[in-house]
Amino acid sequence: MRTAPTPERLRTNARGVPYFIWDVEVTWDEFVRLLHDPDPDTADYWLARGLRDAKPDDIVELVDFGRIAEAWPRIAHRLGRRREFWRWWLQQAGHAVDP
């Protein structure tokens, strides 16, 4: 699958905060670490945050569809307007997820 992630020089502000995070000071590297945090609640929170607010291509560069599908029952309710998009994309990638 082809993706077009945001160029590295454009994905953060001068302080290293990702373009889609506006309410906390979390750098790109911290965001990536939090996506893979051993605590599932923490990892799910940041995954949902990325799925809801970031450009989709940027997220699929960091986590695979299997990880998103596995977390789906726990995070779908947090995705707002993006929920149907992600459900569709997961289905296109071969993952059956409940609405």
Protein backbone atom coordinates (compact mmCIF):
# COMPACT_ATOMS: atom_id res chain seq x y z
CA MET A 1 0.00 0.00 0.00
CA ARG A 2 1.36 3.39 -0.93
CA THR A 3 1.31 6.20 1.58
CA ALA A 4 2.35 9.82 1.50
CA PRO A 5 3.50 10.72 5.02
CA THR A 6 4.18 14.29 6.01
CA PRO A 7 7.83 15.20 5.39
CA GLU A 8 9.85 15.11 8.60
CA ARG A 9 10.61 18.84 8.48
CA LEU A 10 6.85 19.61 8.45
CA ARG A 11 5.51 17.14 10.99
CA THR A 12 6.49 19.12 14.10
CA ASN A 13 6.68 22.69 15.28
CA ALA A 14 9.89 24.37 16.46
CA ARG A 15 9.58 22.62 19.86
CA GLY A 16 9.23 19.18 18.25
CA VAL A 17 5.49 18.88 18.97
CA PRO A 18 3.56 17.04 16.22
CA TYR A 19 1.27 19.21 14.08
CA PHE A 20 -1.83 17.38 15.34
CA ILE A 21 -1.18 17.81 19.07
CA TRP A 22 -2.09 21.23 20.39
CA ASP A 23 -2.98 20.80 24.05
CA VAL A 24 0.07 19.08 25.58
CA GLU A 25 3.82 19.34 25.10
CA VAL A 26 4.60 15.91 23.63
CA THR A 27 7.41 15.67 21.12
CA TRP A 28 7.24 13.44 18.05
CA ASP A 29 9.61 10.93 19.66
CA GLU A 30 7.52 10.87 22.85
CA PHE A 31 4.36 10.36 20.78
CA VAL A 32 5.94 7.38 19.00
CA ARG A 33 7.04 5.92 22.34
CA LEU A 34 3.55 6.42 23.81
CA LEU A 35 1.98 4.61 20.83
CA HIS A 36 3.99 1.56 21.87
CA ASP A 37 3.74 2.00 25.64
CA PRO A 38 3.56 -1.29 27.57
CA ASP A 39 0.47 0.00 29.39
CA PRO A 40 -2.40 -0.78 27.00
CA ASP A 41 -4.53 2.12 28.25
CA THR A 42 -1.75 4.58 27.50
CA ALA A 43 -0.98 3.08 24.10
CA ASP A 44 -4.69 3.01 23.19
CA TYR A 45 -5.20 6.63 24.21
CA TRP A 46 -2.36 7.85 21.99
CA LEU A 47 -3.33 5.56 19.13
CA ALA A 48 -6.88 6.91 19.17
CA ARG A 49 -5.50 10.43 19.37
CA GLY A 50 -3.36 9.86 16.31
CA LEU A 51 -6.13 8.16 14.34
CA ARG A 52 -8.54 11.00 15.15
CA ASP A 53 -6.25 13.99 14.62
CA ALA A 54 -3.28 13.10 12.41
CA LYS A 55 -3.03 12.56 8.69
CA PRO A 56 -3.80 8.84 8.18
CA ASP A 57 -0.59 8.23 6.24
CA ASP A 58 1.44 9.48 9.19
CA ILE A 59 -0.15 6.98 11.55
CA VAL A 60 0.18 3.93 9.31
CA GLU A 61 3.89 4.69 9.08
CA LEU A 62 4.06 4.18 12.86
CA VAL A 63 1.64 1.31 13.54
CA ASP A 64 0.31 -1.42 11.30
CA PHE A 65 -3.31 -2.19 10.54
CA GLY A 66 -3.14 -5.29 12.72
CA ARG A 67 -2.40 -3.15 15.77
CA ILE A 68 -5.26 -0.78 14.92
CA ALA A 69 -7.67 -3.68 14.36
CA GLU A 70 -6.63 -5.30 17.64
CA ALA A 71 -7.29 -2.08 19.54
CA TRP A 72 -10.49 -1.26 17.62
CA PRO A 73 -13.00 -2.49 20.25
CA ARG A 74 -11.32 -0.28 22.85
CA ILE A 75 -10.70 2.85 20.76
CA ALA A 76 -13.43 3.11 18.10
CA HIS A 77 -15.67 5.19 20.38
CA ARG A 78 -12.88 7.81 20.66
CA LEU A 79 -12.47 8.46 16.93
CA GLY A 80 -15.35 10.84 16.31
CA ARG A 81 -15.91 11.67 12.64
CA ARG A 82 -12.86 9.62 11.64
CA ARG A 83 -14.36 6.36 12.91
CA GLU A 84 -16.09 5.42 9.65
CA PHE A 85 -13.01 6.28 7.59
CA TRP A 86 -10.80 4.05 9.71
CA ARG A 87 -13.37 1.25 9.74
CA TRP A 88 -13.46 1.40 5.92
CA TRP A 89 -9.66 1.48 5.61
CA LEU A 90 -9.24 -1.44 8.01
CA GLN A 91 -11.75 -3.42 5.97
CA GLN A 92 -9.88 -2.55 2.78
CA ALA A 93 -6.72 -3.86 4.45
CA GLY A 94 -8.47 -7.17 5.21
CA HIS A 95 -9.44 -6.63 8.85
CA ALA A 96 -13.03 -7.29 9.86
CA VAL A 97 -14.04 -4.76 12.51
CA ASP A 98 -17.42 -4.08 14.06
CA PRO A 99 -19.10 -0.77 13.37
